[in-house]
Amino acid sequence: MSRITPVLTDLLAKKRTALIPYVTAGFPYPDITPELMHGMVAAGANVIELGVPFSDPSADGAVIQKAGDKALAAGIGLTQVLDMVREFRRKDNDTPVVLMGYANPVERYDQRQQAIGSGNTFVRDAAAAGVDGMLIVDYPPEECVAFAEELRRNGMDLIFLLAPTSTEQRMAQVAQVASGYVYYVSLKGVTGAGTLDTAAVEAMLPRIRRHVKLPLGVGFGIRDAASACAVARSADAVVIGSRIIQLIEDQPREQVVPTAQAFLQDIRTALDAQSAQ
């Protein structure tokens, strides 16, 4: 079992909403990510989603694409991302870490390992580094049953996205394969785009829960404490990415962690106050 289920189960039992920030690995400075991860945990993050930079991120809007491009230019790939997780685990063995990315880097990693005859796979190396889950945006549930099983054998979860356009059939397919939690994309389109419609989220989540018995996180469009609290009325977790990237992208190095912390602390405080009502 990964760290994800115990952490989310404990929060649900306490009627607290999980706070899941997303940051692009290696952004805005190549060596800052483990420090930033620790800072976000200190500010109240319960799970961290770590974005794997990729040259063609179809689900990401301009903000996260730009962050990924900068990280790629600095030489950040899957090997470096796993090194960051390994470094984070030297001080934090409790907070779940989810890698969010695309199939191509994973497949290329395995091809390289096979070419050098190492016997390692990305899944084994990720587990050894301390990763708890994967969210591979372009892996459809019907095509990755074997991948999900390999992750489970190595103590990791496979997390899926559902969207406003998801059919009942797709929800059922995801329910068969997913573990850890399911991430509901609250907007049509890419990250950072559009305006959050909390009424639509509240209408959609009960439909998903008829199929999916895992905790439900909601992301895309959450920009502040007010929108986080609005989503938390029906979701088990709030996921925030683009807004964090925007806040830290132009900060001098010494201000990156404090800036992210201040933003997340405000949201954590608001979520906990709402839970206590």
C-alpha atoms as a PDB file:
ATOM      1  CA  MET A   1       0.000   0.000   0.000  1.00  0.00           C
ATOM      2  CA  SER A   2       1.199   3.514  -0.792  1.00  0.00           C
ATOM      3  CA  ARG A   3       1.123   6.393   1.665  1.00  0.00           C
ATOM      4  CA  ILE A   4      -1.854   7.913  -0.170  1.00  0.00           C
ATOM      5  CA  THR A   5      -4.695   5.789   1.211  1.00  0.00           C
ATOM      6  CA  PRO A   6      -3.762   6.096   4.918  1.00  0.00           C
ATOM      7  CA  VAL A   7      -3.292   9.857   4.624  1.00  0.00           C
ATOM      8  CA  LEU A   8      -6.583  10.480   2.814  1.00  0.00           C
ATOM      9  CA  THR A   9      -8.502   8.018   4.999  1.00  0.00           C
ATOM     10  CA  ASP A  10      -7.288   9.814   8.122  1.00  0.00           C
ATOM     11  CA  LEU A  11      -8.292  13.211   6.734  1.00  0.00           C
ATOM     12  CA  LEU A  12     -11.739  11.942   5.732  1.00  0.00           C
ATOM     13  CA  ALA A  13     -12.261  10.476   9.205  1.00  0.00           C
ATOM     14  CA  LYS A  14     -11.461  13.900  10.663  1.00  0.00           C
ATOM     15  CA  LYS A  15     -13.732  15.607   8.108  1.00  0.00           C
ATOM     16  CA  ARG A  16     -10.771  17.592   6.777  1.00  0.00           C
ATOM     17  CA  THR A  17     -10.197  18.365   3.111  1.00  0.00           C
ATOM     18  CA  ALA A  18      -6.917  17.236   1.602  1.00  0.00           C
ATOM     19  CA  LEU A  19      -4.771  19.981   0.096  1.00  0.00           C
ATOM     20  CA  ILE A  20      -2.804  18.782  -2.931  1.00  0.00           C
ATOM     21  CA  PRO A  21      -0.482  21.323  -4.554  1.00  0.00           C
ATOM     22  CA  TYR A  22       1.090  20.697  -7.950  1.00  0.00           C
ATOM     23  CA  VAL A  23       4.497  22.020  -8.947  1.00  0.00           C
ATOM     24  CA  THR A  24       6.609  21.339 -12.012  1.00  0.00           C
ATOM     25  CA  ALA A  25       9.816  19.517 -11.076  1.00  0.00           C
ATOM     26  CA  GLY A  26      12.856  21.732 -11.538  1.00  0.00           C
ATOM     27  CA  PHE A  27      10.890  24.985 -11.706  1.00  0.00           C
ATOM     28  CA  PRO A  28      11.567  27.854 -11.284  1.00  0.00           C
ATOM     29  CA  TYR A  29      15.113  26.794 -10.357  1.00  0.00           C
ATOM     30  CA  PRO A  30      16.508  23.335 -11.151  1.00  0.00           C
ATOM     31  CA  ASP A  31      17.660  22.564  -7.608  1.00  0.00           C
ATOM     32  CA  ILE A  32      14.800  24.058  -5.594  1.00  0.00           C
ATOM     33  CA  THR A  33      12.171  21.323  -5.820  1.00  0.00           C
ATOM     34  CA  PRO A  34      12.914  19.246  -2.674  1.00  0.00           C
ATOM     35  CA  GLU A  35      13.105  22.444  -0.609  1.00  0.00           C
ATOM     36  CA  LEU A  36       9.843  23.657  -2.139  1.00  0.00           C
ATOM     37  CA  MET A  37       8.169  20.324  -1.405  1.00  0.00           C
ATOM     38  CA  HIS A  38       9.194  20.528   2.260  1.00  0.00           C
ATOM     39  CA  GLY A  39       7.931  24.100   2.426  1.00  0.00           C
ATOM     40  CA  MET A  40       4.551  23.145   1.014  1.00  0.00           C
ATOM     41  CA  VAL A  41       4.181  20.326   3.545  1.00  0.00           C
ATOM     42  CA  ALA A  42       5.002  22.764   6.349  1.00  0.00           C
ATOM     43  CA  ALA A  43       2.266  25.043   4.971  1.00  0.00           C
ATOM     44  CA  GLY A  44      -0.354  22.295   5.190  1.00  0.00           C
ATOM     45  CA  ALA A  45      -0.081  20.242   2.003  1.00  0.00           C
ATOM     46  CA  ASN A  46      -1.187  16.625   2.476  1.00  0.00           C
ATOM     47  CA  VAL A  47      -0.125  15.152  -0.872  1.00  0.00           C
ATOM     48  CA  ILE A  48       2.262  16.625  -3.443  1.00  0.00           C
ATOM     49  CA  GLU A  49       1.791  16.273  -7.181  1.00  0.00           C
ATOM     50  CA  LEU A  50       5.115  16.662  -8.942  1.00  0.00           C
ATOM     51  CA  GLY A  51       4.868  17.456 -12.636  1.00  0.00           C
ATOM     52  CA  VAL A  52       7.289  15.682 -14.958  1.00  0.00           C
ATOM     53  CA  PRO A  53       8.400  18.119 -17.687  1.00  0.00           C
ATOM     54  CA  PHE A  54       7.463  17.047 -21.215  1.00  0.00           C
ATOM     55  CA  SER A  55       7.808  18.758 -24.580  1.00  0.00           C
ATOM     56  CA  ASP A  56       4.208  18.161 -25.717  1.00  0.00           C
ATOM     57  CA  PRO A  57       1.924  18.398 -22.648  1.00  0.00           C
ATOM     58  CA  SER A  58      -1.517  18.225 -24.249  1.00  0.00           C
ATOM     59  CA  ALA A  59      -3.543  18.798 -21.056  1.00  0.00           C
ATOM     60  CA  ASP A  60      -1.486  21.715 -19.763  1.00  0.00           C
ATOM     61  CA  GLY A  61      -2.199  25.363 -20.352  1.00  0.00           C
ATOM     62  CA  ALA A  62       0.320  28.076 -21.133  1.00  0.00           C
ATOM     63  CA  VAL A  63       1.445  28.574 -17.524  1.00  0.00           C
ATOM     64  CA  ILE A  64       2.451  24.969 -16.884  1.00  0.00           C
ATOM     65  CA  GLN A  65       3.771  24.514 -20.434  1.00  0.00           C
ATOM     66  CA  LYS A  66       6.107  27.456 -19.893  1.00  0.00           C
ATOM     67  CA  ALA A  67       7.261  26.004 -16.568  1.00  0.00           C
ATOM     68  CA  GLY A  68       7.896  22.639 -18.204  1.00  0.00           C
ATOM     69  CA  ASP A  69       9.855  24.226 -21.039  1.00  0.00           C
ATOM     70  CA  LYS A  70      12.089  26.043 -18.561  1.00  0.00           C
ATOM     71  CA  ALA A  71      12.695  22.842 -16.593  1.00  0.00           C
ATOM     72  CA  LEU A  72      13.468  20.881 -19.771  1.00  0.00           C
ATOM     73  CA  ALA A  73      15.939  23.568 -20.846  1.00  0.00           C
ATOM     74  CA  ALA A  74      17.678  23.098 -17.494  1.00  0.00           C
ATOM     75  CA  GLY A  75      18.055  19.372 -18.198  1.00  0.00           C
ATOM     76  CA  ILE A  76      15.252  18.068 -15.982  1.00  0.00           C
ATOM     77  CA  GLY A  77      13.951  14.653 -17.013  1.00  0.00           C
ATOM     78  CA  LEU A  78      12.580  11.594 -15.254  1.00  0.00           C
ATOM     79  CA  THR A  79      15.955  10.596 -13.825  1.00  0.00           C
ATOM     80  CA  GLN A  80      16.344  14.011 -12.206  1.00  0.00           C
ATOM     81  CA  VAL A  81      12.733  13.956 -10.970  1.00  0.00           C
ATOM     82  CA  LEU A  82      13.352  10.650  -9.187  1.00  0.00           C
ATOM     83  CA  ASP A  83      16.505  12.147  -7.661  1.00  0.00           C
ATOM     84  CA  MET A  84      14.366  15.001  -6.301  1.00  0.00           C
ATOM     85  CA  VAL A  85      11.917  12.573  -4.709  1.00  0.00           C
ATOM     86  CA  ARG A  86      14.813  10.621  -3.234  1.00  0.00           C
ATOM     87  CA  GLU A  87      16.216  13.826  -1.751  1.00  0.00           C
ATOM     88  CA  PHE A  88      12.789  14.763  -0.340  1.00  0.00           C
ATOM     89  CA  ARG A  89      12.509  11.340   1.304  1.00  0.00           C
ATOM     90  CA  ARG A  90      15.715  11.920   3.282  1.00  0.00           C
ATOM     91  CA  LYS A  91      13.683  14.187   5.581  1.00  0.00           C
ATOM     92  CA  ASP A  92      10.052  13.268   4.907  1.00  0.00           C
ATOM     93  CA  ASN A  93       8.969   9.654   4.765  1.00  0.00           C
ATOM     94  CA  ASP A  94       5.286  10.389   5.406  1.00  0.00           C
ATOM     95  CA  THR A  95       3.909  12.776   2.773  1.00  0.00           C
ATOM     96  CA  PRO A  96       2.644  11.048  -0.383  1.00  0.00           C
ATOM     97  CA  VAL A  97       4.234  12.101  -3.672  1.00  0.00           C
ATOM     98  CA  VAL A  98       2.435  11.611  -6.990  1.00  0.00           C
ATOM     99  CA  LEU A  99       4.185  12.031 -10.331  1.00  0.00           C
ATOM    100  CA  MET A 100       1.975  13.644 -12.957  1.00  0.00           C
ATOM    101  CA  GLY A 101       3.007  13.478 -16.575  1.00  0.00           C
ATOM    102  CA  TYR A 102       2.720  11.750 -19.921  1.00  0.00           C
ATOM    103  CA  ALA A 103       3.392   8.304 -21.325  1.00  0.00           C
ATOM    104  CA  ASN A 104       6.277   9.224 -23.620  1.00  0.00           C
ATOM    105  CA  PRO A 105       8.910   9.970 -20.930  1.00  0.00           C
ATOM    106  CA  VAL A 106       7.974   6.786 -19.047  1.00  0.00           C
ATOM    107  CA  GLU A 107       8.262   4.642 -22.152  1.00  0.00           C
ATOM    108  CA  ARG A 108      11.564   6.255 -23.175  1.00  0.00           C
ATOM    109  CA  TYR A 109      12.944   5.665 -19.678  1.00  0.00           C
ATOM    110  CA  ASP A 110      12.170   1.961 -19.924  1.00  0.00           C
ATOM    111  CA  GLN A 111      13.627   1.777 -23.426  1.00  0.00           C
ATOM    112  CA  ARG A 112      16.896   3.287 -22.183  1.00  0.00           C
ATOM    113  CA  GLN A 113      17.039   0.878 -19.250  1.00  0.00           C
ATOM    114  CA  GLN A 114      16.445  -2.039 -21.589  1.00  0.00           C
ATOM    115  CA  ALA A 115      19.111  -0.798 -24.009  1.00  0.00           C
ATOM    116  CA  ILE A 116      21.777  -0.756 -21.302  1.00  0.00           C
ATOM    117  CA  GLY A 117      20.615  -4.087 -19.886  1.00  0.00           C
ATOM    118  CA  SER A 118      20.071  -2.711 -16.380  1.00  0.00           C
ATOM    119  CA  GLY A 119      17.035  -4.859 -15.595  1.00  0.00           C
ATOM    120  CA  ASN A 120      15.417  -1.846 -13.951  1.00  0.00           C
ATOM    121  CA  THR A 121      12.088  -0.341 -14.967  1.00  0.00           C
ATOM    122  CA  PHE A 122      10.627   3.065 -14.302  1.00  0.00           C
ATOM    123  CA  VAL A 123       8.112   1.571 -11.889  1.00  0.00           C
ATOM    124  CA  ARG A 124      10.802  -0.157  -9.828  1.00  0.00           C
ATOM    125  CA  ASP A 125      13.029   2.901  -9.795  1.00  0.00           C
ATOM    126  CA  ALA A 126      10.120   5.170  -8.844  1.00  0.00           C
ATOM    127  CA  ALA A 127       9.147   2.883  -5.974  1.00  0.00           C
ATOM    128  CA  ALA A 128      12.742   2.787  -4.754  1.00  0.00           C
ATOM    129  CA  ALA A 129      12.905   6.595  -4.859  1.00  0.00           C
ATOM    130  CA  GLY A 130       9.774   6.910  -2.699  1.00  0.00           C
ATOM    131  CA  VAL A 131       7.038   7.723  -5.206  1.00  0.00           C
ATOM    132  CA  ASP A 132       3.495   6.797  -4.120  1.00  0.00           C
ATOM    133  CA  GLY A 133       1.437   7.213  -7.250  1.00  0.00           C
ATOM    134  CA  MET A 134       1.363   8.048 -10.938  1.00  0.00           C
ATOM    135  CA  LEU A 135      -1.039  10.148 -12.932  1.00  0.00           C
ATOM    136  CA  ILE A 136      -0.236   9.524 -16.588  1.00  0.00           C
ATOM    137  CA  VAL A 137      -2.516  11.891 -18.470  1.00  0.00           C
ATOM    138  CA  ASP A 138      -2.583   9.994 -21.759  1.00  0.00           C
ATOM    139  CA  TYR A 139      -2.881   6.441 -20.383  1.00  0.00           C
ATOM    140  CA  PRO A 140      -6.548   5.439 -20.874  1.00  0.00           C
ATOM    141  CA  PRO A 141      -7.850   2.989 -18.251  1.00  0.00           C
ATOM    142  CA  GLU A 142      -8.726   0.283 -20.759  1.00  0.00           C
ATOM    143  CA  GLU A 143      -5.106   0.128 -21.961  1.00  0.00           C
ATOM    144  CA  CYS A 144      -3.163   0.128 -18.710  1.00  0.00           C
ATOM    145  CA  VAL A 145      -4.468  -2.706 -16.535  1.00  0.00           C
ATOM    146  CA  ALA A 146      -1.034  -4.361 -16.596  1.00  0.00           C
ATOM    147  CA  PHE A 147       0.659  -1.066 -15.706  1.00  0.00           C
ATOM    148  CA  ALA A 148      -1.741  -0.586 -12.787  1.00  0.00           C
ATOM    149  CA  GLU A 149      -0.954  -4.092 -11.529  1.00  0.00           C
ATOM    150  CA  GLU A 150       2.788  -3.448 -11.766  1.00  0.00           C
ATOM    151  CA  LEU A 151       2.349  -0.273  -9.755  1.00  0.00           C
ATOM    152  CA  ARG A 152       0.314  -2.087  -7.093  1.00  0.00           C
ATOM    153  CA  ARG A 153       2.952  -4.815  -6.817  1.00  0.00           C
ATOM    154  CA  ASN A 154       5.452  -2.063  -6.105  1.00  0.00           C
ATOM    155  CA  GLY A 155       3.257  -0.249  -3.578  1.00  0.00           C
ATOM    156  CA  MET A 156       2.066   2.579  -5.806  1.00  0.00           C
ATOM    157  CA  ASP A 157      -1.294   3.858  -7.014  1.00  0.00           C
ATOM    158  CA  LEU A 158      -2.486   4.713 -10.511  1.00  0.00           C
ATOM    159  CA  ILE A 159      -4.562   7.878 -10.494  1.00  0.00           C
ATOM    160  CA  PHE A 160      -6.886   8.924 -13.292  1.00  0.00           C
ATOM    161  CA  LEU A 161      -8.524  12.084 -14.517  1.00  0.00           C
ATOM    162  CA  LEU A 162     -12.248  12.440 -15.081  1.00  0.00           C
ATOM    163  CA  ALA A 163     -13.760  15.463 -16.793  1.00  0.00           C
ATOM    164  CA  PRO A 164     -17.128  17.180 -17.299  1.00  0.00           C
ATOM    165  CA  THR A 165     -17.386  15.257 -20.573  1.00  0.00           C
ATOM    166  CA  SER A 166     -16.694  11.827 -19.021  1.00  0.00           C
ATOM    167  CA  THR A 167     -19.397   9.264 -19.733  1.00  0.00           C
ATOM    168  CA  GLU A 168     -20.827   6.783 -17.250  1.00  0.00           C
ATOM    169  CA  GLN A 169     -18.897   4.090 -19.118  1.00  0.00           C
ATOM    170  CA  ARG A 170     -15.610   5.956 -18.652  1.00  0.00           C
ATOM    171  CA  MET A 171     -16.331   6.439 -14.944  1.00  0.00           C
ATOM    172  CA  ALA A 172     -16.917   2.698 -14.590  1.00  0.00           C
ATOM    173  CA  GLN A 173     -13.694   1.922 -16.483  1.00  0.00           C
ATOM    174  CA  VAL A 174     -11.699   4.232 -14.230  1.00  0.00           C
ATOM    175  CA  ALA A 175     -13.283   2.687 -11.138  1.00  0.00           C
ATOM    176  CA  GLN A 176     -12.022  -0.748 -12.221  1.00  0.00           C
ATOM    177  CA  VAL A 177      -8.372   0.314 -12.460  1.00  0.00           C
ATOM    178  CA  ALA A 178      -7.795   3.398 -10.295  1.00  0.00           C
ATOM    179  CA  SER A 179      -6.431   3.419  -6.773  1.00  0.00           C
ATOM    180  CA  GLY A 180      -5.427   6.133  -4.307  1.00  0.00           C
ATOM    181  CA  TYR A 181      -7.808   8.839  -5.481  1.00  0.00           C
ATOM    182  CA  VAL A 182      -9.462  10.100  -8.651  1.00  0.00           C
ATOM    183  CA  TYR A 183      -8.825  13.598  -9.941  1.00  0.00           C
ATOM    184  CA  TYR A 184     -11.848  15.413 -11.373  1.00  0.00           C
ATOM    185  CA  VAL A 185     -10.918  18.112 -13.859  1.00  0.00           C
ATOM    186  CA  SER A 186     -13.491  20.799 -13.158  1.00  0.00           C
ATOM    187  CA  LEU A 187     -13.104  22.620 -16.481  1.00  0.00           C
ATOM    188  CA  LYS A 188     -13.181  21.661 -20.119  1.00  0.00           C
ATOM    189  CA  GLY A 189      -9.834  22.343 -21.762  1.00  0.00           C
ATOM    190  CA  VAL A 190      -6.340  22.758 -20.364  1.00  0.00           C
ATOM    191  CA  THR A 191      -4.952  23.678 -16.954  1.00  0.00           C
ATOM    192  CA  GLY A 192      -5.254  27.296 -15.930  1.00  0.00           C
ATOM    193  CA  ALA A 193      -8.049  28.061 -18.396  1.00  0.00           C
ATOM    194  CA  GLY A 194     -11.636  29.087 -17.841  1.00  0.00           C
ATOM    195  CA  THR A 195     -13.678  29.968 -14.781  1.00  0.00           C
ATOM    196  CA  LEU A 196     -14.554  27.506 -12.049  1.00  0.00           C
ATOM    197  CA  ASP A 197     -18.250  26.587 -11.908  1.00  0.00           C
ATOM    198  CA  THR A 198     -18.734  25.172  -8.423  1.00  0.00           C
ATOM    199  CA  ALA A 199     -22.398  24.374  -9.031  1.00  0.00           C
ATOM    200  CA  ALA A 200     -21.396  22.160 -11.943  1.00  0.00           C
ATOM    201  CA  VAL A 201     -18.783  20.449  -9.760  1.00  0.00           C
ATOM    202  CA  GLU A 202     -21.352  19.809  -7.034  1.00  0.00           C
ATOM    203  CA  ALA A 203     -23.702  18.303  -9.620  1.00  0.00           C
ATOM    204  CA  MET A 204     -21.046  16.083 -11.192  1.00  0.00           C
ATOM    205  CA  LEU A 205     -19.364  14.552  -8.144  1.00  0.00           C
ATOM    206  CA  PRO A 206     -22.393  12.492  -7.006  1.00  0.00           C
ATOM    207  CA  ARG A 207     -22.534  10.963 -10.496  1.00  0.00           C
ATOM    208  CA  ILE A 208     -18.880   9.991 -10.223  1.00  0.00           C
ATOM    209  CA  ARG A 209     -19.336   8.614  -6.700  1.00  0.00           C
ATOM    210  CA  ARG A 210     -21.931   6.156  -7.988  1.00  0.00           C
ATOM    211  CA  HIS A 211     -19.052   4.413  -9.762  1.00  0.00           C
ATOM    212  CA  VAL A 212     -15.891   5.475  -7.934  1.00  0.00           C
ATOM    213  CA  LYS A 213     -15.509   4.643  -4.250  1.00  0.00           C
ATOM    214  CA  LEU A 214     -12.120   6.335  -3.893  1.00  0.00           C
ATOM    215  CA  PRO A 215     -11.606   9.873  -2.555  1.00  0.00           C
ATOM    216  CA  LEU A 216     -12.284  12.536  -5.179  1.00  0.00           C
ATOM    217  CA  GLY A 217      -9.939  15.445  -5.736  1.00  0.00           C
ATOM    218  CA  VAL A 218     -10.956  18.457  -7.801  1.00  0.00           C
ATOM    219  CA  GLY A 219      -8.552  20.669  -9.707  1.00  0.00           C
ATOM    220  CA  PHE A 220      -8.322  23.169 -12.573  1.00  0.00           C
ATOM    221  CA  GLY A 221      -9.590  26.666 -11.799  1.00  0.00           C
ATOM    222  CA  ILE A 222      -8.846  26.817  -8.053  1.00  0.00           C
ATOM    223  CA  ARG A 223      -6.999  30.076  -7.509  1.00  0.00           C
ATOM    224  CA  ASP A 224      -7.565  31.177  -3.907  1.00  0.00           C
ATOM    225  CA  ALA A 225      -9.048  30.263  -0.539  1.00  0.00           C
ATOM    226  CA  ALA A 226     -12.589  31.144  -1.614  1.00  0.00           C
ATOM    227  CA  SER A 227     -12.585  28.861  -4.652  1.00  0.00           C
ATOM    228  CA  ALA A 228     -10.859  26.107  -2.660  1.00  0.00           C
ATOM    229  CA  CYS A 229     -13.534  26.264   0.039  1.00  0.00           C
ATOM    230  CA  ALA A 230     -16.319  26.274  -2.543  1.00  0.00           C
ATOM    231  CA  VAL A 231     -14.943  23.085  -4.093  1.00  0.00           C
ATOM    232  CA  ALA A 232     -14.322  21.510  -0.686  1.00  0.00           C
ATOM    233  CA  ARG A 233     -18.045  21.512   0.058  1.00  0.00           C
ATOM    234  CA  SER A 234     -18.365  18.492  -2.239  1.00  0.00           C
ATOM    235  CA  ALA A 235     -14.804  17.234  -2.876  1.00  0.00           C
ATOM    236  CA  ASP A 236     -12.473  15.239  -0.648  1.00  0.00           C
ATOM    237  CA  ALA A 237      -9.395  17.093  -1.885  1.00  0.00           C
ATOM    238  CA  VAL A 238      -8.538  20.308  -3.705  1.00  0.00           C
ATOM    239  CA  VAL A 239      -5.713  20.320  -6.232  1.00  0.00           C
ATOM    240  CA  ILE A 240      -3.963  23.581  -7.083  1.00  0.00           C
ATOM    241  CA  GLY A 241      -1.296  23.939  -9.754  1.00  0.00           C
ATOM    242  CA  SER A 242      -1.337  26.803 -12.228  1.00  0.00           C
ATOM    243  CA  ARG A 243      -1.824  29.489  -9.590  1.00  0.00           C
ATOM    244  CA  ILE A 244       1.216  28.297  -7.624  1.00  0.00           C
ATOM    245  CA  ILE A 245       3.320  28.277 -10.787  1.00  0.00           C
ATOM    246  CA  GLN A 246       2.202  31.839 -11.570  1.00  0.00           C
ATOM    247  CA  LEU A 247       3.065  33.050  -8.084  1.00  0.00           C
ATOM    248  CA  ILE A 248       6.579  31.596  -8.009  1.00  0.00           C
ATOM    249  CA  GLU A 249       7.684  31.903 -11.638  1.00  0.00           C
ATOM    250  CA  ASP A 250       9.292  35.357 -11.357  1.00  0.00           C
ATOM    251  CA  GLN A 251      10.386  35.211  -7.731  1.00  0.00           C
ATOM    252  CA  PRO A 252      14.048  35.444  -6.740  1.00  0.00           C
ATOM    253  CA  ARG A 253      15.241  32.111  -5.420  1.00  0.00           C
ATOM    254  CA  GLU A 254      15.006  33.065  -1.751  1.00  0.00           C
ATOM    255  CA  GLN A 255      11.344  34.079  -2.150  1.00  0.00           C
ATOM    256  CA  VAL A 256      10.055  30.993  -3.978  1.00  0.00           C
ATOM    257  CA  VAL A 257       9.376  28.834  -0.928  1.00  0.00           C
ATOM    258  CA  PRO A 258       7.970  31.633   1.287  1.00  0.00           C
ATOM    259  CA  THR A 259       5.653  32.740  -1.544  1.00  0.00           C
ATOM    260  CA  ALA A 260       4.254  29.246  -2.058  1.00  0.00           C
ATOM    261  CA  GLN A 261       3.950  28.726   1.690  1.00  0.00           C
ATOM    262  CA  ALA A 262       2.010  31.931   2.296  1.00  0.00           C
ATOM    263  CA  PHE A 263      -0.450  31.053  -0.469  1.00  0.00           C
ATOM    264  CA  LEU A 264      -1.005  27.500   0.775  1.00  0.00           C
ATOM    265  CA  GLN A 265      -1.228  28.503   4.441  1.00  0.00           C
ATOM    266  CA  ASP A 266      -4.128  30.837   3.643  1.00  0.00           C
ATOM    267  CA  ILE A 267      -5.946  28.023   1.866  1.00  0.00           C
ATOM    268  CA  ARG A 268      -5.189  25.455   4.579  1.00  0.00           C
ATOM    269  CA  THR A 269      -6.481  27.811   7.266  1.00  0.00           C
ATOM    270  CA  ALA A 270      -9.667  28.509   5.307  1.00  0.00           C
ATOM    271  CA  LEU A 271     -10.310  24.830   4.590  1.00  0.00           C
ATOM    272  CA  ASP A 272      -9.841  23.877   8.236  1.00  0.00           C
ATOM    273  CA  ALA A 273     -12.096  26.697   9.413  1.00  0.00           C
ATOM    274  CA  GLN A 274     -14.811  25.516   7.041  1.00  0.00           C
ATOM    275  CA  SER A 275     -14.411  21.900   8.198  1.00  0.00           C
ATOM    276  CA  ALA A 276     -14.799  22.981  11.823  1.00  0.00           C
ATOM    277  CA  GLN A 277     -18.179  24.631  11.209  1.00  0.00           C
END
